[in-house]
Amino acid sequence: MTKTERDKAKEVLKKRELAAKGLKERGDGKPVDPLADIESLDPDDKRTEPVDVDEREEEIAERALPGAMAVRRSG
């Protein structure tokens, strides 16, 4: 298989995947699949600095405290 045949095969597979999703190929070069370029929704993935586990646990505990106190008082 030559390089051009591989490129054609990749293009055909791409078109088939789009057709299976019910999408059409765009001529302006923008992403065709709107979900293909979505980043992770996890906020920890967007951090630029390394995560300190102890600090993160303390932060989560501080956020959960008011809710835990409300449940304890009402129940």
PDB file of N, CA and C in Angstrom:
ATOM      1  N   MET A   1       0.837  -1.164   0.000  1.00  0.00           N
ATOM      2  CA  MET A   1       0.000   0.000   0.000  1.00  0.00           C
ATOM      3  C   MET A   1       0.894   1.244   0.000  1.00  0.00           C
ATOM      4  N   THR A   2       0.655   2.138  -0.908  1.00  0.00           N
ATOM      5  CA  THR A   2       1.465   3.351  -0.970  1.00  0.00           C
ATOM      6  C   THR A   2       0.902   4.400  -0.009  1.00  0.00           C
ATOM      7  N   LYS A   3       1.650   5.468   0.113  1.00  0.00           N
ATOM      8  CA  LYS A   3       1.256   6.522   1.039  1.00  0.00           C
ATOM      9  C   LYS A   3      -0.073   7.163   0.623  1.00  0.00           C
ATOM     10  N   THR A   4      -0.262   7.366  -0.654  1.00  0.00           N
ATOM     11  CA  THR A   4      -1.503   7.985  -1.121  1.00  0.00           C
ATOM     12  C   THR A   4      -2.698   7.070  -0.888  1.00  0.00           C
ATOM     13  N   GLU A   5      -2.486   5.764  -1.028  1.00  0.00           N
ATOM     14  CA  GLU A   5      -3.571   4.824  -0.768  1.00  0.00           C
ATOM     15  C   GLU A   5      -3.954   4.828   0.709  1.00  0.00           C
ATOM     16  N   ARG A   6      -2.951   4.944   1.577  1.00  0.00           N
ATOM     17  CA  ARG A   6      -3.224   5.019   3.015  1.00  0.00           C
ATOM     18  C   ARG A   6      -4.000   6.284   3.356  1.00  0.00           C
ATOM     19  N   ASP A   7      -3.587   7.401   2.748  1.00  0.00           N
ATOM     20  CA  ASP A   7      -4.291   8.657   2.978  1.00  0.00           C
ATOM     21  C   ASP A   7      -5.739   8.569   2.509  1.00  0.00           C
ATOM     22  N   LYS A   8      -5.945   7.953   1.351  1.00  0.00           N
ATOM     23  CA  LYS A   8      -7.304   7.789   0.842  1.00  0.00           C
ATOM     24  C   LYS A   8      -8.122   6.895   1.761  1.00  0.00           C
ATOM     25  N   ALA A   9      -7.503   5.824   2.261  1.00  0.00           N
ATOM     26  CA  ALA A   9      -8.200   4.912   3.167  1.00  0.00           C
ATOM     27  C   ALA A   9      -8.589   5.626   4.461  1.00  0.00           C
ATOM     28  N   LYS A  10      -7.692   6.463   4.997  1.00  0.00           N
ATOM     29  CA  LYS A  10      -7.997   7.223   6.213  1.00  0.00           C
ATOM     30  C   LYS A  10      -9.158   8.179   5.963  1.00  0.00           C
ATOM     31  N   GLU A  11      -9.154   8.811   4.807  1.00  0.00           N
ATOM     32  CA  GLU A  11     -10.224   9.744   4.445  1.00  0.00           C
ATOM     33  C   GLU A  11     -11.565   9.023   4.331  1.00  0.00           C
ATOM     34  N   VAL A  12     -11.566   7.845   3.731  1.00  0.00           N
ATOM     35  CA  VAL A  12     -12.791   7.066   3.596  1.00  0.00           C
ATOM     36  C   VAL A  12     -13.307   6.653   4.966  1.00  0.00           C
ATOM     37  N   LEU A  13     -12.410   6.212   5.856  1.00  0.00           N
ATOM     38  CA  LEU A  13     -12.823   5.825   7.199  1.00  0.00           C
ATOM     39  C   LEU A  13     -13.391   7.014   7.965  1.00  0.00           C
ATOM     40  N   LYS A  14     -12.769   8.174   7.788  1.00  0.00           N
ATOM     41  CA  LYS A  14     -13.257   9.375   8.448  1.00  0.00           C
ATOM     42  C   LYS A  14     -14.667   9.717   7.978  1.00  0.00           C
ATOM     43  N   LYS A  15     -14.896   9.633   6.675  1.00  0.00           N
ATOM     44  CA  LYS A  15     -16.215   9.920   6.118  1.00  0.00           C
ATOM     45  C   LYS A  15     -17.249   8.912   6.593  1.00  0.00           C
ATOM     46  N   ARG A  16     -16.857   7.652   6.708  1.00  0.00           N
ATOM     47  CA  ARG A  16     -17.787   6.629   7.203  1.00  0.00           C
ATOM     48  C   ARG A  16     -18.168   6.873   8.654  1.00  0.00           C
ATOM     49  N   GLU A  17     -17.187   7.259   9.478  1.00  0.00           N
ATOM     50  CA  GLU A  17     -17.472   7.553  10.880  1.00  0.00           C
ATOM     51  C   GLU A  17     -18.428   8.739  11.003  1.00  0.00           C
ATOM     52  N   LEU A  18     -18.202   9.764  10.192  1.00  0.00           N
ATOM     53  CA  LEU A  18     -19.087  10.923  10.210  1.00  0.00           C
ATOM     54  C   LEU A  18     -20.495  10.545   9.758  1.00  0.00           C
ATOM     55  N   ALA A  19     -20.584   9.721   8.726  1.00  0.00           N
ATOM     56  CA  ALA A  19     -21.887   9.291   8.228  1.00  0.00           C
ATOM     57  C   ALA A  19     -22.620   8.459   9.278  1.00  0.00           C
ATOM     58  N   ALA A  20     -21.883   7.648  10.024  1.00  0.00           N
ATOM     59  CA  ALA A  20     -22.495   6.839  11.075  1.00  0.00           C
ATOM     60  C   ALA A  20     -23.054   7.711  12.189  1.00  0.00           C
ATOM     61  N   LYS A  21     -22.430   8.860  12.419  1.00  0.00           N
ATOM     62  CA  LYS A  21     -22.904   9.793  13.442  1.00  0.00           C
ATOM     63  C   LYS A  21     -23.960  10.743  12.899  1.00  0.00           C
ATOM     64  N   GLY A  22     -24.204  10.689  11.607  1.00  0.00           N
ATOM     65  CA  GLY A  22     -25.190  11.568  10.996  1.00  0.00           C
ATOM     66  C   GLY A  22     -24.661  12.955  10.713  1.00  0.00           C
ATOM     67  N   LEU A  23     -23.350  13.100  10.584  1.00  0.00           N
ATOM     68  CA  LEU A  23     -22.728  14.391  10.319  1.00  0.00           C
ATOM     69  C   LEU A  23     -22.214  14.442   8.896  1.00  0.00           C
ATOM     70  N   LYS A  24     -22.064  15.666   8.379  1.00  0.00           N
ATOM     71  CA  LYS A  24     -21.526  15.839   7.034  1.00  0.00           C
ATOM     72  C   LYS A  24     -20.177  16.528   7.115  1.00  0.00           C
ATOM     73  N   GLU A  25     -19.360  16.320   6.101  1.00  0.00           N
ATOM     74  CA  GLU A  25     -18.044  16.944   6.053  1.00  0.00           C
ATOM     75  C   GLU A  25     -18.191  18.428   5.712  1.00  0.00           C
ATOM     76  N   ARG A  26     -17.433  19.276   6.395  1.00  0.00           N
ATOM     77  CA  ARG A  26     -17.486  20.709   6.147  1.00  0.00           C
ATOM     78  C   ARG A  26     -16.335  21.128   5.251  1.00  0.00           C
ATOM     79  N   GLY A  27     -16.559  22.138   4.451  1.00  0.00           N
ATOM     80  CA  GLY A  27     -15.545  22.594   3.514  1.00  0.00           C
ATOM     81  C   GLY A  27     -14.641  23.677   4.065  1.00  0.00           C
ATOM     82  N   ASP A  28     -14.995  24.260   5.220  1.00  0.00           N
ATOM     83  CA  ASP A  28     -14.208  25.377   5.746  1.00  0.00           C
ATOM     84  C   ASP A  28     -13.072  24.940   6.661  1.00  0.00           C
ATOM     85  N   GLY A  29     -12.914  23.659   6.906  1.00  0.00           N
ATOM     86  CA  GLY A  29     -11.794  23.166   7.696  1.00  0.00           C
ATOM     87  C   GLY A  29     -12.026  23.147   9.193  1.00  0.00           C
ATOM     88  N   LYS A  30     -13.202  23.576   9.648  1.00  0.00           N
ATOM     89  CA  LYS A  30     -13.505  23.538  11.088  1.00  0.00           C
ATOM     90  C   LYS A  30     -13.811  22.102  11.495  1.00  0.00           C
ATOM     91  N   PRO A  31     -13.721  21.814  12.792  1.00  0.00           N
ATOM     92  CA  PRO A  31     -14.020  20.450  13.232  1.00  0.00           C
ATOM     93  C   PRO A  31     -15.435  20.042  12.841  1.00  0.00           C
ATOM     94  N   VAL A  32     -15.553  18.861  12.324  1.00  0.00           N
ATOM     95  CA  VAL A  32     -16.845  18.381  11.863  1.00  0.00           C
ATOM     96  C   VAL A  32     -17.642  17.838  13.025  1.00  0.00           C
ATOM     97  N   ASP A  33     -17.019  17.057  13.849  1.00  0.00           N
ATOM     98  CA  ASP A  33     -17.684  16.461  14.998  1.00  0.00           C
ATOM     99  C   ASP A  33     -17.570  17.424  16.175  1.00  0.00           C
ATOM    100  N   PRO A  34     -18.670  17.961  16.663  1.00  0.00           N
ATOM    101  CA  PRO A  34     -18.589  18.926  17.752  1.00  0.00           C
ATOM    102  C   PRO A  34     -18.026  18.343  19.047  1.00  0.00           C
ATOM    103  N   LEU A  35     -18.115  17.047  19.222  1.00  0.00           N
ATOM    104  CA  LEU A  35     -17.594  16.429  20.443  1.00  0.00           C
ATOM    105  C   LEU A  35     -16.137  16.006  20.321  1.00  0.00           C
ATOM    106  N   ALA A  36     -15.551  16.099  19.131  1.00  0.00           N
ATOM    107  CA  ALA A  36     -14.189  15.621  18.923  1.00  0.00           C
ATOM    108  C   ALA A  36     -13.147  16.507  19.595  1.00  0.00           C
ATOM    109  N   ASP A  37     -13.422  17.809  19.736  1.00  0.00           N
ATOM    110  CA  ASP A  37     -12.421  18.709  20.286  1.00  0.00           C
ATOM    111  C   ASP A  37     -12.726  19.156  21.711  1.00  0.00           C
ATOM    112  N   ILE A  38     -13.644  18.492  22.380  1.00  0.00           N
ATOM    113  CA  ILE A  38     -13.982  18.842  23.756  1.00  0.00           C
ATOM    114  C   ILE A  38     -12.891  18.336  24.693  1.00  0.00           C
ATOM    115  N   GLU A  39     -12.514  19.193  25.614  1.00  0.00           N
ATOM    116  CA  GLU A  39     -11.524  18.803  26.607  1.00  0.00           C
ATOM    117  C   GLU A  39     -12.221  18.089  27.765  1.00  0.00           C
ATOM    118  N   SER A  40     -11.462  17.605  28.677  1.00  0.00           N
ATOM    119  CA  SER A  40     -11.996  16.936  29.841  1.00  0.00           C
ATOM    120  C   SER A  40     -12.770  17.931  30.703  1.00  0.00           C
ATOM    121  N   LEU A  41     -13.827  17.467  31.336  1.00  0.00           N
ATOM    122  CA  LEU A  41     -14.614  18.317  32.221  1.00  0.00           C
ATOM    123  C   LEU A  41     -14.086  18.299  33.656  1.00  0.00           C
ATOM    124  N   ASP A  42     -13.115  17.461  33.921  1.00  0.00           N
ATOM    125  CA  ASP A  42     -12.539  17.377  35.257  1.00  0.00           C
ATOM    126  C   ASP A  42     -11.665  18.594  35.514  1.00  0.00           C
ATOM    127  N   PRO A  43     -11.965  19.398  36.549  1.00  0.00           N
ATOM    128  CA  PRO A  43     -11.154  20.593  36.803  1.00  0.00           C
ATOM    129  C   PRO A  43      -9.705  20.276  37.152  1.00  0.00           C
ATOM    130  N   ASP A  44      -9.445  19.092  37.667  1.00  0.00           N
ATOM    131  CA  ASP A  44      -8.069  18.728  37.999  1.00  0.00           C
ATOM    132  C   ASP A  44      -7.209  18.574  36.746  1.00  0.00           C
ATOM    133  N   ASP A  45      -7.821  18.276  35.602  1.00  0.00           N
ATOM    134  CA  ASP A  45      -7.064  18.150  34.360  1.00  0.00           C
ATOM    135  C   ASP A  45      -6.585  19.504  33.848  1.00  0.00           C
ATOM    136  N   LYS A  46      -7.236  20.582  34.278  1.00  0.00           N
ATOM    137  CA  LYS A  46      -6.904  21.915  33.785  1.00  0.00           C
ATOM    138  C   LYS A  46      -5.887  22.634  34.669  1.00  0.00           C
ATOM    139  N   ARG A  47      -5.476  22.017  35.743  1.00  0.00           N
ATOM    140  CA  ARG A  47      -4.496  22.633  36.634  1.00  0.00           C
ATOM    141  C   ARG A  47      -3.122  22.632  35.985  1.00  0.00           C
ATOM    142  N   THR A  48      -2.403  23.745  36.147  1.00  0.00           N
ATOM    143  CA  THR A  48      -1.066  23.828  35.579  1.00  0.00           C
ATOM    144  C   THR A  48      -0.007  23.442  36.606  1.00  0.00           C
ATOM    145  N   GLU A  49      -0.334  23.598  37.857  1.00  0.00           N
ATOM    146  CA  GLU A  49       0.622  23.239  38.907  1.00  0.00           C
ATOM    147  C   GLU A  49       0.318  21.839  39.425  1.00  0.00           C
ATOM    148  N   PRO A  50       1.313  21.149  39.961  1.00  0.00           N
ATOM    149  CA  PRO A  50       1.062  19.806  40.480  1.00  0.00           C
ATOM    150  C   PRO A  50       0.112  19.856  41.683  1.00  0.00           C
ATOM    151  N   VAL A  51      -0.674  18.818  41.834  1.00  0.00           N
ATOM    152  CA  VAL A  51      -1.674  18.758  42.890  1.00  0.00           C
ATOM    153  C   VAL A  51      -1.045  18.185  44.151  1.00  0.00           C
ATOM    154  N   ASP A  52      -1.184  18.912  45.261  1.00  0.00           N
ATOM    155  CA  ASP A  52      -0.754  18.425  46.558  1.00  0.00           C
ATOM    156  C   ASP A  52      -1.945  17.684  47.164  1.00  0.00           C
ATOM    157  N   VAL A  53      -1.803  16.380  47.393  1.00  0.00           N
ATOM    158  CA  VAL A  53      -2.913  15.546  47.831  1.00  0.00           C
ATOM    159  C   VAL A  53      -3.459  16.012  49.175  1.00  0.00           C
ATOM    160  N   ASP A  54      -2.604  16.323  50.123  1.00  0.00           N
ATOM    161  CA  ASP A  54      -3.068  16.756  51.440  1.00  0.00           C
ATOM    162  C   ASP A  54      -3.844  18.069  51.342  1.00  0.00           C
ATOM    163  N   GLU A  55      -3.332  18.988  50.544  1.00  0.00           N
ATOM    164  CA  GLU A  55      -4.003  20.273  50.365  1.00  0.00           C
ATOM    165  C   GLU A  55      -5.365  20.086  49.695  1.00  0.00           C
ATOM    166  N   ARG A  56      -5.421  19.208  48.711  1.00  0.00           N
ATOM    167  CA  ARG A  56      -6.679  18.948  47.999  1.00  0.00           C
ATOM    168  C   ARG A  56      -7.710  18.307  48.920  1.00  0.00           C
ATOM    169  N   GLU A  57      -7.287  17.369  49.773  1.00  0.00           N
ATOM    170  CA  GLU A  57      -8.205  16.735  50.719  1.00  0.00           C
ATOM    171  C   GLU A  57      -8.775  17.761  51.694  1.00  0.00           C
ATOM    172  N   GLU A  58      -7.926  18.668  52.155  1.00  0.00           N
ATOM    173  CA  GLU A  58      -8.375  19.707  53.081  1.00  0.00           C
ATOM    174  C   GLU A  58      -9.388  20.636  52.397  1.00  0.00           C
ATOM    175  N   GLU A  59      -9.128  20.971  51.150  1.00  0.00           N
ATOM    176  CA  GLU A  59     -10.033  21.835  50.385  1.00  0.00           C
ATOM    177  C   GLU A  59     -11.407  21.173  50.212  1.00  0.00           C
ATOM    178  N   ILE A  60     -11.419  19.897  49.908  1.00  0.00           N
ATOM    179  CA  ILE A  60     -12.676  19.172  49.742  1.00  0.00           C
ATOM    180  C   ILE A  60     -13.414  19.067  51.064  1.00  0.00           C
ATOM    181  N   ALA A  61     -12.701  18.832  52.149  1.00  0.00           N
ATOM    182  CA  ALA A  61     -13.328  18.734  53.466  1.00  0.00           C
ATOM    183  C   ALA A  61     -13.966  20.061  53.867  1.00  0.00           C
ATOM    184  N   GLU A  62     -13.298  21.178  53.566  1.00  0.00           N
ATOM    185  CA  GLU A  62     -13.853  22.481  53.893  1.00  0.00           C
ATOM    186  C   GLU A  62     -15.141  22.740  53.113  1.00  0.00           C
ATOM    187  N   ARG A  63     -15.206  22.298  51.875  1.00  0.00           N
ATOM    188  CA  ARG A  63     -16.416  22.485  51.067  1.00  0.00           C
ATOM    189  C   ARG A  63     -17.567  21.620  51.571  1.00  0.00           C
ATOM    190  N   ALA A  64     -17.279  20.436  52.085  1.00  0.00           N
ATOM    191  CA  ALA A  64     -18.311  19.506  52.523  1.00  0.00           C
ATOM    192  C   ALA A  64     -18.826  19.813  53.918  1.00  0.00           C
ATOM    193  N   LEU A  65     -18.103  20.582  54.690  1.00  0.00           N
ATOM    194  CA  LEU A  65     -18.456  20.834  56.085  1.00  0.00           C
ATOM    195  C   LEU A  65     -19.826  21.492  56.251  1.00  0.00           C
ATOM    196  N   PRO A  66     -20.157  22.575  55.554  1.00  0.00           N
ATOM    197  CA  PRO A  66     -21.483  23.197  55.759  1.00  0.00           C
ATOM    198  C   PRO A  66     -22.639  22.241  55.454  1.00  0.00           C
ATOM    199  N   GLY A  67     -22.534  21.455  54.437  1.00  0.00           N
ATOM    200  CA  GLY A  67     -23.576  20.505  54.115  1.00  0.00           C
ATOM    201  C   GLY A  67     -23.720  19.436  55.171  1.00  0.00           C
ATOM    202  N   ALA A  68     -22.616  18.958  55.687  1.00  0.00           N
ATOM    203  CA  ALA A  68     -22.645  17.943  56.723  1.00  0.00           C
ATOM    204  C   ALA A  68     -23.244  18.497  58.013  1.00  0.00           C
ATOM    205  N   MET A  69     -22.961  19.750  58.317  1.00  0.00           N
ATOM    206  CA  MET A  69     -23.528  20.363  59.527  1.00  0.00           C
ATOM    207  C   MET A  69     -25.037  20.548  59.383  1.00  0.00           C
ATOM    208  N   ALA A  70     -25.510  20.901  58.213  1.00  0.00           N
ATOM    209  CA  ALA A  70     -26.945  21.104  57.993  1.00  0.00           C
ATOM    210  C   ALA A  70     -27.690  19.785  58.136  1.00  0.00           C
ATOM    211  N   VAL A  71     -27.123  18.694  57.646  1.00  0.00           N
ATOM    212  CA  VAL A  71     -27.769  17.393  57.769  1.00  0.00           C
ATOM    213  C   VAL A  71     -27.808  16.964  59.219  1.00  0.00           C
ATOM    214  N   ARG A  72     -26.750  17.207  59.946  1.00  0.00           N
ATOM    215  CA  ARG A  72     -26.693  16.797  61.342  1.00  0.00           C
ATOM    216  C   ARG A  72     -27.719  17.559  62.182  1.00  0.00           C
ATOM    217  N   ARG A  73     -27.900  18.855  61.931  1.00  0.00           N
ATOM    218  CA  ARG A  73     -28.846  19.665  62.710  1.00  0.00           C
ATOM    219  C   ARG A  73     -30.293  19.312  62.381  1.00  0.00           C
ATOM    220  N   SER A  74     -30.589  19.024  61.128  1.00  0.00           N
ATOM    221  CA  SER A  74     -31.957  18.786  60.747  1.00  0.00           C
ATOM    222  C   SER A  74     -32.405  17.357  61.029  1.00  0.00           C
ATOM    223  N   GLY A  75     -31.482  16.469  61.210  1.00  0.00           N
ATOM    224  CA  GLY A  75     -31.873  15.065  61.366  1.00  0.00           C
ATOM    225  C   GLY A  75     -31.676  14.597  62.698  1.00  0.00           C
TER     226      GLY A  75
END
